[in-house]
Amino acid sequence: MRVIAGTARSMPLRTVKGLDTRPTTDKTKETLFNILQPDIPGCRFLDLFSGSGAIAIEALSRGAAHAVLVEQNAQACACIRENLRFTKVIDRAELQKCSVQMALQRLEGQKPFDIIFMDPPYDQGLERQVLEYLAHSTLADEDTVIVTEASLRTDFAYLEALGYRAYKYKKYKTSQHVFLVREKK
């Protein structure tokens, strides 16, 4: 796994050994960032369920002003710290070693993020819990792009009821990215 573009282009990234995380493949990451690229320069980026930190590091490498990475697994946090130092983006990153729910509560009251990315463990309904929280949070507004990575089996029929509009679905072999925004009130 490597950084695709930007200041850390082609730099290899460490991943956590074992099956606790599912690193996003380079091809999938490249597709994701081809879609997000217009919104990246200067943005505030929130990466939930960060794993190795590869998604936030890619955003920082491509010009994001600041990224908050949230991960509760100690091994993954050590990996993230090493990757942030190695790619020389650590000065624009903040790592929170805690659950996503705790991090969201800690961050509450800050200005909205420009992009929120989440890649929770598949098929546990965690993306819905986060979206329910963000529907009434200061961390996201109508201009925030929210991207959820999920298994192809994940049903997002509830989005409209929570006040979201999905504007793009990108499907891969076993997963999908759902791009959404909160509807204007």
N, C-alpha and C. Protein backbone atom coordinates (compact mmCIF):
# COMPACT_ATOMS: atom_id res chain seq x y z
N MET A 1 0.85 -1.17 0.00
CA MET A 1 0.00 0.00 0.00
C MET A 1 0.89 1.23 0.00
N ARG A 2 0.48 2.25 -0.75
CA ARG A 2 1.30 3.45 -0.90
C ARG A 2 0.42 4.69 -1.01
N VAL A 3 1.05 5.85 -0.90
CA VAL A 3 0.36 7.11 -1.14
C VAL A 3 0.31 7.29 -2.66
N ILE A 4 -0.85 7.63 -3.20
CA ILE A 4 -1.04 7.70 -4.65
C ILE A 4 -0.51 9.00 -5.25
N ALA A 5 -0.79 10.15 -4.61
CA ALA A 5 -0.44 11.44 -5.21
C ALA A 5 -0.10 12.47 -4.14
N GLY A 6 0.46 13.58 -4.59
CA GLY A 6 0.74 14.69 -3.70
C GLY A 6 2.16 14.68 -3.17
N THR A 7 2.37 15.36 -2.04
CA THR A 7 3.71 15.54 -1.49
C THR A 7 4.34 14.25 -1.02
N ALA A 8 3.55 13.26 -0.66
CA ALA A 8 4.07 11.97 -0.20
C ALA A 8 3.91 10.88 -1.26
N ARG A 9 3.74 11.28 -2.50
CA ARG A 9 3.49 10.35 -3.60
C ARG A 9 4.48 9.18 -3.60
N SER A 10 3.94 7.99 -3.79
CA SER A 10 4.67 6.73 -3.92
C SER A 10 5.31 6.23 -2.63
N MET A 11 5.14 6.95 -1.53
CA MET A 11 5.72 6.49 -0.27
C MET A 11 4.92 5.28 0.24
N PRO A 12 5.61 4.21 0.64
CA PRO A 12 4.89 3.04 1.15
C PRO A 12 4.36 3.29 2.55
N LEU A 13 3.22 2.68 2.84
CA LEU A 13 2.60 2.80 4.16
C LEU A 13 2.55 1.44 4.83
N ARG A 14 2.75 1.45 6.15
CA ARG A 14 2.62 0.23 6.94
C ARG A 14 1.14 -0.07 7.14
N THR A 15 0.85 -1.33 7.32
CA THR A 15 -0.51 -1.74 7.67
C THR A 15 -0.45 -2.59 8.93
N VAL A 16 -1.57 -2.74 9.56
CA VAL A 16 -1.66 -3.54 10.77
C VAL A 16 -1.73 -5.01 10.38
N LYS A 17 -0.91 -5.84 11.03
CA LYS A 17 -0.95 -7.28 10.75
C LYS A 17 -2.25 -7.86 11.28
N GLY A 18 -2.74 -8.88 10.61
CA GLY A 18 -3.95 -9.55 11.05
C GLY A 18 -5.18 -9.10 10.28
N LEU A 19 -6.32 -9.49 10.77
CA LEU A 19 -7.58 -9.24 10.07
C LEU A 19 -8.43 -8.17 10.73
N ASP A 20 -7.86 -7.44 11.70
CA ASP A 20 -8.64 -6.42 12.40
C ASP A 20 -8.96 -5.21 11.53
N THR A 21 -8.13 -4.96 10.51
CA THR A 21 -8.39 -3.85 9.60
C THR A 21 -8.40 -4.37 8.18
N ARG A 22 -9.06 -3.65 7.29
CA ARG A 22 -9.10 -3.99 5.87
C ARG A 22 -8.53 -2.81 5.10
N PRO A 23 -7.25 -2.78 4.82
CA PRO A 23 -6.71 -1.62 4.10
C PRO A 23 -7.39 -1.44 2.74
N THR A 24 -7.73 -0.20 2.43
CA THR A 24 -8.32 0.12 1.14
C THR A 24 -7.25 -0.07 0.07
N THR A 25 -7.56 -0.80 -0.98
CA THR A 25 -6.56 -1.05 -2.02
C THR A 25 -6.19 0.25 -2.72
N ASP A 26 -5.00 0.27 -3.32
CA ASP A 26 -4.54 1.46 -4.02
C ASP A 26 -5.51 1.86 -5.14
N LYS A 27 -6.03 0.88 -5.85
CA LYS A 27 -6.95 1.18 -6.96
C LYS A 27 -8.24 1.83 -6.44
N THR A 28 -8.79 1.28 -5.37
CA THR A 28 -10.01 1.83 -4.77
C THR A 28 -9.75 3.23 -4.22
N LYS A 29 -8.59 3.40 -3.57
CA LYS A 29 -8.23 4.70 -3.01
C LYS A 29 -8.06 5.74 -4.12
N GLU A 30 -7.45 5.32 -5.22
CA GLU A 30 -7.27 6.24 -6.35
C GLU A 30 -8.62 6.68 -6.92
N THR A 31 -9.55 5.74 -7.06
CA THR A 31 -10.90 6.08 -7.55
C THR A 31 -11.59 7.04 -6.59
N LEU A 32 -11.51 6.75 -5.29
CA LEU A 32 -12.11 7.61 -4.27
C LEU A 32 -11.57 9.04 -4.39
N PHE A 33 -10.26 9.18 -4.47
CA PHE A 33 -9.67 10.52 -4.50
C PHE A 33 -9.82 11.22 -5.84
N ASN A 34 -10.02 10.48 -6.91
CA ASN A 34 -10.37 11.13 -8.18
C ASN A 34 -11.71 11.85 -8.05
N ILE A 35 -12.61 11.28 -7.28
CA ILE A 35 -13.92 11.90 -7.05
C ILE A 35 -13.81 13.07 -6.07
N LEU A 36 -13.02 12.90 -5.00
CA LEU A 36 -12.92 13.92 -3.94
C LEU A 36 -11.96 15.06 -4.26
N GLN A 37 -11.04 14.87 -5.21
CA GLN A 37 -9.94 15.81 -5.41
C GLN A 37 -10.34 17.28 -5.46
N PRO A 38 -11.41 17.68 -6.12
CA PRO A 38 -11.75 19.11 -6.15
C PRO A 38 -12.00 19.72 -4.77
N ASP A 39 -12.40 18.88 -3.80
CA ASP A 39 -12.72 19.36 -2.45
C ASP A 39 -11.56 19.24 -1.46
N ILE A 40 -10.45 18.64 -1.87
CA ILE A 40 -9.36 18.34 -0.94
C ILE A 40 -8.50 19.55 -0.57
N PRO A 41 -8.00 20.34 -1.51
CA PRO A 41 -7.06 21.41 -1.12
C PRO A 41 -7.64 22.35 -0.05
N GLY A 42 -6.90 22.47 1.05
CA GLY A 42 -7.30 23.36 2.14
C GLY A 42 -8.40 22.86 3.04
N CYS A 43 -8.87 21.65 2.85
CA CYS A 43 -10.03 21.16 3.60
C CYS A 43 -9.66 20.68 5.00
N ARG A 44 -10.69 20.59 5.86
CA ARG A 44 -10.60 19.91 7.15
C ARG A 44 -11.20 18.53 6.93
N PHE A 45 -10.43 17.49 7.23
CA PHE A 45 -10.77 16.12 6.88
C PHE A 45 -10.90 15.29 8.16
N LEU A 46 -11.99 14.56 8.30
CA LEU A 46 -12.21 13.68 9.44
C LEU A 46 -12.23 12.24 8.94
N ASP A 47 -11.34 11.40 9.47
CA ASP A 47 -11.22 10.00 9.07
C ASP A 47 -11.60 9.12 10.26
N LEU A 48 -12.78 8.51 10.18
CA LEU A 48 -13.31 7.67 11.26
C LEU A 48 -13.01 6.20 10.97
N PHE A 49 -12.65 5.44 12.00
CA PHE A 49 -12.23 4.05 11.84
C PHE A 49 -11.00 4.03 10.93
N SER A 50 -9.94 4.71 11.32
CA SER A 50 -8.81 5.04 10.45
C SER A 50 -7.93 3.88 10.03
N GLY A 51 -7.86 2.80 10.79
CA GLY A 51 -7.01 1.68 10.39
C GLY A 51 -5.54 2.05 10.35
N SER A 52 -4.96 2.11 9.16
CA SER A 52 -3.55 2.48 8.99
C SER A 52 -3.36 3.98 8.81
N GLY A 53 -4.47 4.70 8.64
CA GLY A 53 -4.39 6.14 8.40
C GLY A 53 -4.22 6.50 6.94
N ALA A 54 -4.26 5.51 6.06
CA ALA A 54 -3.95 5.74 4.64
C ALA A 54 -4.87 6.76 3.97
N ILE A 55 -6.15 6.78 4.33
CA ILE A 55 -7.08 7.71 3.67
C ILE A 55 -6.77 9.15 4.09
N ALA A 56 -6.62 9.40 5.38
CA ALA A 56 -6.30 10.75 5.83
C ALA A 56 -4.93 11.19 5.32
N ILE A 57 -3.97 10.28 5.29
CA ILE A 57 -2.63 10.62 4.79
C ILE A 57 -2.70 10.99 3.31
N GLU A 58 -3.50 10.27 2.56
CA GLU A 58 -3.69 10.62 1.14
C GLU A 58 -4.27 12.02 1.02
N ALA A 59 -5.27 12.34 1.85
CA ALA A 59 -5.88 13.67 1.82
C ALA A 59 -4.85 14.74 2.17
N LEU A 60 -4.04 14.51 3.21
CA LEU A 60 -3.01 15.47 3.60
C LEU A 60 -1.96 15.62 2.51
N SER A 61 -1.57 14.52 1.91
CA SER A 61 -0.58 14.57 0.82
C SER A 61 -1.10 15.39 -0.36
N ARG A 62 -2.40 15.35 -0.58
CA ARG A 62 -3.01 16.07 -1.70
C ARG A 62 -3.42 17.50 -1.35
N GLY A 63 -3.11 17.95 -0.12
CA GLY A 63 -3.33 19.35 0.20
C GLY A 63 -4.36 19.68 1.24
N ALA A 64 -4.91 18.68 1.91
CA ALA A 64 -5.83 18.99 3.02
C ALA A 64 -5.07 19.79 4.06
N ALA A 65 -5.73 20.77 4.66
CA ALA A 65 -5.08 21.63 5.65
C ALA A 65 -4.87 20.90 6.97
N HIS A 66 -5.84 20.06 7.36
CA HIS A 66 -5.79 19.39 8.66
C HIS A 66 -6.64 18.13 8.59
N ALA A 67 -6.20 17.10 9.30
CA ALA A 67 -6.99 15.87 9.37
C ALA A 67 -7.03 15.37 10.80
N VAL A 68 -8.20 14.90 11.20
CA VAL A 68 -8.37 14.22 12.48
C VAL A 68 -8.62 12.75 12.15
N LEU A 69 -7.81 11.89 12.75
CA LEU A 69 -7.93 10.45 12.54
C LEU A 69 -8.42 9.83 13.84
N VAL A 70 -9.41 8.96 13.74
CA VAL A 70 -9.99 8.32 14.92
C VAL A 70 -9.85 6.81 14.79
N GLU A 71 -9.19 6.22 15.78
CA GLU A 71 -8.97 4.77 15.80
C GLU A 71 -8.82 4.34 17.25
N GLN A 72 -9.46 3.23 17.63
CA GLN A 72 -9.35 2.79 19.02
C GLN A 72 -8.37 1.64 19.21
N ASN A 73 -7.99 0.93 18.16
CA ASN A 73 -7.07 -0.19 18.26
C ASN A 73 -5.64 0.33 18.48
N ALA A 74 -4.99 -0.12 19.55
CA ALA A 74 -3.66 0.38 19.92
C ALA A 74 -2.62 0.09 18.84
N GLN A 75 -2.64 -1.12 18.26
CA GLN A 75 -1.69 -1.46 17.19
C GLN A 75 -1.90 -0.55 15.99
N ALA A 76 -3.14 -0.31 15.64
CA ALA A 76 -3.44 0.55 14.50
C ALA A 76 -2.97 1.98 14.78
N CYS A 77 -3.15 2.47 16.00
CA CYS A 77 -2.70 3.82 16.34
C CYS A 77 -1.18 3.95 16.22
N ALA A 78 -0.45 2.92 16.65
CA ALA A 78 1.00 2.93 16.50
C ALA A 78 1.39 2.97 15.03
N CYS A 79 0.68 2.21 14.22
CA CYS A 79 0.91 2.18 12.77
C CYS A 79 0.61 3.56 12.16
N ILE A 80 -0.50 4.17 12.56
CA ILE A 80 -0.87 5.50 12.06
C ILE A 80 0.22 6.51 12.40
N ARG A 81 0.68 6.52 13.66
CA ARG A 81 1.72 7.47 14.06
C ARG A 81 2.98 7.31 13.20
N GLU A 82 3.37 6.06 12.99
CA GLU A 82 4.55 5.79 12.17
C GLU A 82 4.34 6.28 10.73
N ASN A 83 3.17 6.01 10.16
CA ASN A 83 2.87 6.45 8.79
C ASN A 83 2.82 7.98 8.69
N LEU A 84 2.25 8.65 9.69
CA LEU A 84 2.20 10.11 9.69
C LEU A 84 3.60 10.72 9.74
N ARG A 85 4.47 10.14 10.58
CA ARG A 85 5.86 10.64 10.67
C ARG A 85 6.61 10.38 9.37
N PHE A 86 6.50 9.15 8.85
CA PHE A 86 7.24 8.76 7.66
C PHE A 86 6.87 9.63 6.45
N THR A 87 5.59 9.96 6.32
CA THR A 87 5.13 10.76 5.17
C THR A 87 5.26 12.27 5.42
N LYS A 88 5.71 12.62 6.62
CA LYS A 88 5.97 14.03 6.98
C LYS A 88 4.71 14.90 6.94
N VAL A 89 3.57 14.33 7.34
CA VAL A 89 2.32 15.10 7.42
C VAL A 89 1.81 15.18 8.85
N ILE A 90 2.60 14.72 9.80
CA ILE A 90 2.17 14.62 11.19
C ILE A 90 1.82 15.98 11.79
N ASP A 91 2.45 17.05 11.29
CA ASP A 91 2.18 18.39 11.83
C ASP A 91 0.79 18.91 11.49
N ARG A 92 0.11 18.27 10.55
CA ARG A 92 -1.25 18.69 10.16
C ARG A 92 -2.29 17.65 10.54
N ALA A 93 -1.88 16.71 11.40
CA ALA A 93 -2.77 15.61 11.77
C ALA A 93 -2.96 15.55 13.28
N GLU A 94 -4.14 15.08 13.66
CA GLU A 94 -4.46 14.86 15.07
C GLU A 94 -5.03 13.45 15.17
N LEU A 95 -4.42 12.62 16.00
CA LEU A 95 -4.87 11.25 16.18
C LEU A 95 -5.61 11.14 17.50
N GLN A 96 -6.82 10.62 17.46
CA GLN A 96 -7.60 10.37 18.66
C GLN A 96 -7.74 8.87 18.85
N LYS A 97 -7.13 8.36 19.93
CA LYS A 97 -7.20 6.93 20.23
C LYS A 97 -8.39 6.70 21.16
N CYS A 98 -9.53 6.44 20.55
CA CYS A 98 -10.76 6.21 21.30
C CYS A 98 -11.82 5.69 20.33
N SER A 99 -12.99 5.40 20.85
CA SER A 99 -14.09 4.98 19.98
C SER A 99 -14.55 6.16 19.14
N VAL A 100 -15.18 5.86 18.04
CA VAL A 100 -15.69 6.92 17.16
C VAL A 100 -16.72 7.77 17.89
N GLN A 101 -17.62 7.14 18.64
CA GLN A 101 -18.64 7.90 19.36
C GLN A 101 -18.01 8.87 20.35
N MET A 102 -16.99 8.42 21.08
CA MET A 102 -16.32 9.30 22.03
C MET A 102 -15.62 10.46 21.30
N ALA A 103 -14.98 10.16 20.19
CA ALA A 103 -14.29 11.21 19.43
C ALA A 103 -15.29 12.24 18.91
N LEU A 104 -16.43 11.78 18.40
CA LEU A 104 -17.43 12.73 17.90
C LEU A 104 -17.90 13.65 19.02
N GLN A 105 -18.12 13.09 20.20
CA GLN A 105 -18.54 13.91 21.34
C GLN A 105 -17.45 14.90 21.74
N ARG A 106 -16.19 14.47 21.72
CA ARG A 106 -15.07 15.37 22.05
C ARG A 106 -14.95 16.51 21.04
N LEU A 107 -15.19 16.21 19.78
CA LEU A 107 -15.03 17.20 18.71
C LEU A 107 -16.24 18.14 18.60
N GLU A 108 -17.36 17.72 19.17
CA GLU A 108 -18.61 18.50 19.06
C GLU A 108 -18.37 19.96 19.44
N GLY A 109 -18.97 20.85 18.69
CA GLY A 109 -18.83 22.28 18.94
C GLY A 109 -17.81 22.93 18.02
N GLN A 110 -16.95 22.12 17.40
CA GLN A 110 -16.01 22.67 16.42
C GLN A 110 -16.76 23.01 15.14
N LYS A 111 -16.10 23.80 14.29
CA LYS A 111 -16.73 24.11 13.01
C LYS A 111 -16.82 22.84 12.17
N PRO A 112 -17.75 22.80 11.22
CA PRO A 112 -17.97 21.60 10.43
C PRO A 112 -16.71 21.19 9.64
N PHE A 113 -16.55 19.89 9.47
CA PHE A 113 -15.50 19.37 8.60
C PHE A 113 -15.97 19.52 7.16
N ASP A 114 -15.01 19.65 6.25
CA ASP A 114 -15.34 19.72 4.82
C ASP A 114 -15.63 18.33 4.26
N ILE A 115 -14.84 17.35 4.72
CA ILE A 115 -15.01 15.96 4.28
C ILE A 115 -14.93 15.05 5.50
N ILE A 116 -15.89 14.14 5.59
CA ILE A 116 -15.87 13.10 6.64
C ILE A 116 -15.88 11.76 5.91
N PHE A 117 -14.87 10.95 6.20
CA PHE A 117 -14.77 9.61 5.62
C PHE A 117 -14.87 8.60 6.74
N MET A 118 -15.64 7.54 6.50
CA MET A 118 -15.71 6.46 7.49
C MET A 118 -15.66 5.11 6.81
N ASP A 119 -14.91 4.21 7.42
CA ASP A 119 -14.77 2.84 6.94
C ASP A 119 -14.91 1.91 8.14
N PRO A 120 -16.13 1.81 8.68
CA PRO A 120 -16.33 0.97 9.87
C PRO A 120 -16.29 -0.52 9.52
N PRO A 121 -16.12 -1.37 10.54
CA PRO A 121 -16.25 -2.81 10.28
C PRO A 121 -17.57 -3.08 9.56
N TYR A 122 -17.53 -3.93 8.57
CA TYR A 122 -18.69 -4.17 7.72
C TYR A 122 -19.82 -4.89 8.46
N ASP A 123 -21.03 -4.58 8.03
CA ASP A 123 -22.26 -5.30 8.41
C ASP A 123 -22.55 -5.30 9.91
N GLN A 124 -22.17 -4.22 10.59
CA GLN A 124 -22.48 -4.09 12.01
C GLN A 124 -23.37 -2.88 12.28
N GLY A 125 -23.75 -2.14 11.24
CA GLY A 125 -24.63 -1.00 11.42
C GLY A 125 -23.95 0.23 11.99
N LEU A 126 -22.62 0.22 12.06
CA LEU A 126 -21.91 1.35 12.67
C LEU A 126 -22.02 2.62 11.82
N GLU A 127 -22.08 2.47 10.50
CA GLU A 127 -22.22 3.67 9.66
C GLU A 127 -23.54 4.38 9.95
N ARG A 128 -24.59 3.62 10.20
CA ARG A 128 -25.88 4.23 10.52
C ARG A 128 -25.80 5.00 11.84
N GLN A 129 -25.14 4.42 12.85
CA GLN A 129 -25.00 5.11 14.14
C GLN A 129 -24.27 6.44 13.97
N VAL A 130 -23.21 6.44 13.18
CA VAL A 130 -22.45 7.67 12.95
C VAL A 130 -23.31 8.68 12.19
N LEU A 131 -24.02 8.23 11.18
CA LEU A 131 -24.86 9.14 10.39
C LEU A 131 -26.01 9.70 11.24
N GLU A 132 -26.55 8.90 12.13
CA GLU A 132 -27.58 9.41 13.04
C GLU A 132 -27.01 10.52 13.91
N TYR A 133 -25.80 10.35 14.41
CA TYR A 133 -25.16 11.38 15.23
C TYR A 133 -24.89 12.63 14.40
N LEU A 134 -24.31 12.45 13.23
CA LEU A 134 -23.93 13.61 12.40
C LEU A 134 -25.14 14.41 11.89
N ALA A 135 -26.30 13.77 11.83
CA ALA A 135 -27.50 14.45 11.34
C ALA A 135 -27.86 15.67 12.19
N HIS A 136 -27.41 15.68 13.46
CA HIS A 136 -27.74 16.79 14.37
C HIS A 136 -26.49 17.38 15.01
N SER A 137 -25.35 17.20 14.38
CA SER A 137 -24.07 17.60 14.95
C SER A 137 -23.55 18.88 14.29
N THR A 138 -22.70 19.59 15.03
CA THR A 138 -22.02 20.76 14.47
C THR A 138 -20.87 20.33 13.56
N LEU A 139 -20.51 19.06 13.57
CA LEU A 139 -19.35 18.59 12.82
C LEU A 139 -19.61 18.43 11.33
N ALA A 140 -20.88 18.46 10.94
CA ALA A 140 -21.25 18.36 9.53
C ALA A 140 -22.37 19.36 9.25
N ASP A 141 -22.29 19.96 8.08
CA ASP A 141 -23.39 20.83 7.64
C ASP A 141 -23.73 20.48 6.19
N GLU A 142 -24.52 21.32 5.54
CA GLU A 142 -24.98 21.03 4.18
C GLU A 142 -23.85 21.03 3.16
N ASP A 143 -22.70 21.61 3.51
CA ASP A 143 -21.55 21.64 2.60
C ASP A 143 -20.56 20.50 2.85
N THR A 144 -20.76 19.74 3.91
CA THR A 144 -19.85 18.64 4.25
C THR A 144 -20.12 17.44 3.34
N VAL A 145 -19.07 16.93 2.72
CA VAL A 145 -19.16 15.70 1.94
C VAL A 145 -18.87 14.55 2.90
N ILE A 146 -19.80 13.61 2.99
CA ILE A 146 -19.63 12.44 3.85
C ILE A 146 -19.51 11.22 2.94
N VAL A 147 -18.46 10.45 3.15
CA VAL A 147 -18.24 9.24 2.36
C VAL A 147 -18.21 8.05 3.31
N THR A 148 -19.04 7.07 2.99
CA THR A 148 -19.10 5.85 3.79
C THR A 148 -18.63 4.68 2.94
N GLU A 149 -17.65 3.93 3.45
CA GLU A 149 -17.26 2.69 2.80
C GLU A 149 -18.00 1.57 3.52
N ALA A 150 -18.63 0.69 2.76
CA ALA A 150 -19.44 -0.38 3.34
C ALA A 150 -19.45 -1.58 2.41
N SER A 151 -19.92 -2.71 2.93
CA SER A 151 -20.05 -3.89 2.08
C SER A 151 -21.17 -3.64 1.08
N LEU A 152 -21.17 -4.41 0.02
CA LEU A 152 -22.23 -4.28 -0.99
C LEU A 152 -23.60 -4.65 -0.42
N ARG A 153 -23.61 -5.41 0.67
CA ARG A 153 -24.88 -5.84 1.30
C ARG A 153 -25.53 -4.73 2.13
N THR A 154 -24.80 -3.68 2.43
CA THR A 154 -25.31 -2.65 3.33
C THR A 154 -26.45 -1.89 2.68
N ASP A 155 -27.55 -1.80 3.40
CA ASP A 155 -28.75 -1.10 2.92
C ASP A 155 -28.73 0.33 3.44
N PHE A 156 -28.81 1.28 2.53
CA PHE A 156 -28.82 2.70 2.90
C PHE A 156 -30.19 3.34 2.66
N ALA A 157 -31.24 2.55 2.70
CA ALA A 157 -32.59 3.06 2.44
C ALA A 157 -33.02 4.10 3.46
N TYR A 158 -32.39 4.14 4.61
CA TYR A 158 -32.75 5.06 5.70
C TYR A 158 -32.19 6.48 5.53
N LEU A 159 -31.34 6.71 4.55
CA LEU A 159 -30.64 7.98 4.44
C LEU A 159 -31.58 9.19 4.38
N GLU A 160 -32.58 9.10 3.55
CA GLU A 160 -33.51 10.23 3.39
C GLU A 160 -34.22 10.55 4.70
N ALA A 161 -34.61 9.53 5.45
CA ALA A 161 -35.29 9.74 6.73
C ALA A 161 -34.40 10.47 7.74
N LEU A 162 -33.08 10.30 7.60
CA LEU A 162 -32.13 10.99 8.48
C LEU A 162 -31.76 12.38 7.97
N GLY A 163 -32.27 12.73 6.78
CA GLY A 163 -31.98 14.06 6.24
C GLY A 163 -30.77 14.12 5.33
N TYR A 164 -30.39 12.99 4.74
CA TYR A 164 -29.26 12.94 3.83
C TYR A 164 -29.73 12.70 2.40
N ARG A 165 -28.88 13.12 1.47
CA ARG A 165 -29.08 12.83 0.05
C ARG A 165 -27.82 12.16 -0.47
N ALA A 166 -27.95 10.92 -0.94
CA ALA A 166 -26.82 10.22 -1.56
C ALA A 166 -26.74 10.70 -3.00
N TYR A 167 -25.60 11.27 -3.38
CA TYR A 167 -25.48 11.78 -4.74
C TYR A 167 -24.58 10.91 -5.62
N LYS A 168 -23.93 9.92 -5.03
CA LYS A 168 -23.11 9.02 -5.84
C LYS A 168 -22.88 7.73 -5.08
N TYR A 169 -22.99 6.61 -5.80
CA TYR A 169 -22.63 5.30 -5.29
C TYR A 169 -21.55 4.76 -6.21
N LYS A 170 -20.44 4.37 -5.65
CA LYS A 170 -19.36 3.77 -6.44
C LYS A 170 -19.17 2.35 -5.92
N LYS A 171 -19.46 1.36 -6.76
CA LYS A 171 -19.41 -0.04 -6.33
C LYS A 171 -18.13 -0.70 -6.85
N TYR A 172 -17.55 -1.55 -6.00
CA TYR A 172 -16.36 -2.32 -6.32
C TYR A 172 -16.72 -3.80 -6.19
N LYS A 173 -15.74 -4.68 -6.22
CA LYS A 173 -16.02 -6.13 -6.14
C LYS A 173 -16.80 -6.51 -4.89
N THR A 174 -16.33 -6.07 -3.72
CA THR A 174 -16.96 -6.50 -2.46
C THR A 174 -17.42 -5.33 -1.59
N SER A 175 -17.17 -4.11 -2.04
CA SER A 175 -17.50 -2.95 -1.21
C SER A 175 -18.06 -1.83 -2.08
N GLN A 176 -18.45 -0.76 -1.40
CA GLN A 176 -18.98 0.42 -2.09
C GLN A 176 -18.63 1.66 -1.31
N HIS A 177 -18.54 2.77 -2.03
CA HIS A 177 -18.44 4.09 -1.41
C HIS A 177 -19.75 4.80 -1.69
N VAL A 178 -20.34 5.34 -0.64
CA VAL A 178 -21.57 6.12 -0.77
C VAL A 178 -21.22 7.56 -0.42
N PHE A 179 -21.47 8.48 -1.34
CA PHE A 179 -21.17 9.90 -1.18
C PHE A 179 -22.48 10.61 -0.86
N LEU A 180 -22.50 11.32 0.25
CA LEU A 180 -23.76 11.96 0.64
C LEU A 180 -23.53 13.32 1.28
N VAL A 181 -24.60 14.07 1.33
CA VAL A 181 -24.61 15.38 1.99
C VAL A 181 -25.90 15.48 2.79
N ARG A 182 -25.87 16.35 3.81
CA ARG A 182 -27.09 16.62 4.55
C ARG A 182 -27.95 17.56 3.70
N GLU A 183 -29.24 17.29 3.69
CA GLU A 183 -30.17 18.15 2.95
C GLU A 183 -30.26 19.51 3.65
N LYS A 184 -30.45 20.54 2.87
CA LYS A 184 -30.64 21.88 3.44
C LYS A 184 -31.96 21.92 4.19
N LYS A 185 -31.96 22.58 5.34
CA LYS A 185 -33.17 22.63 6.17
C LYS A 185 -33.92 23.92 5.91
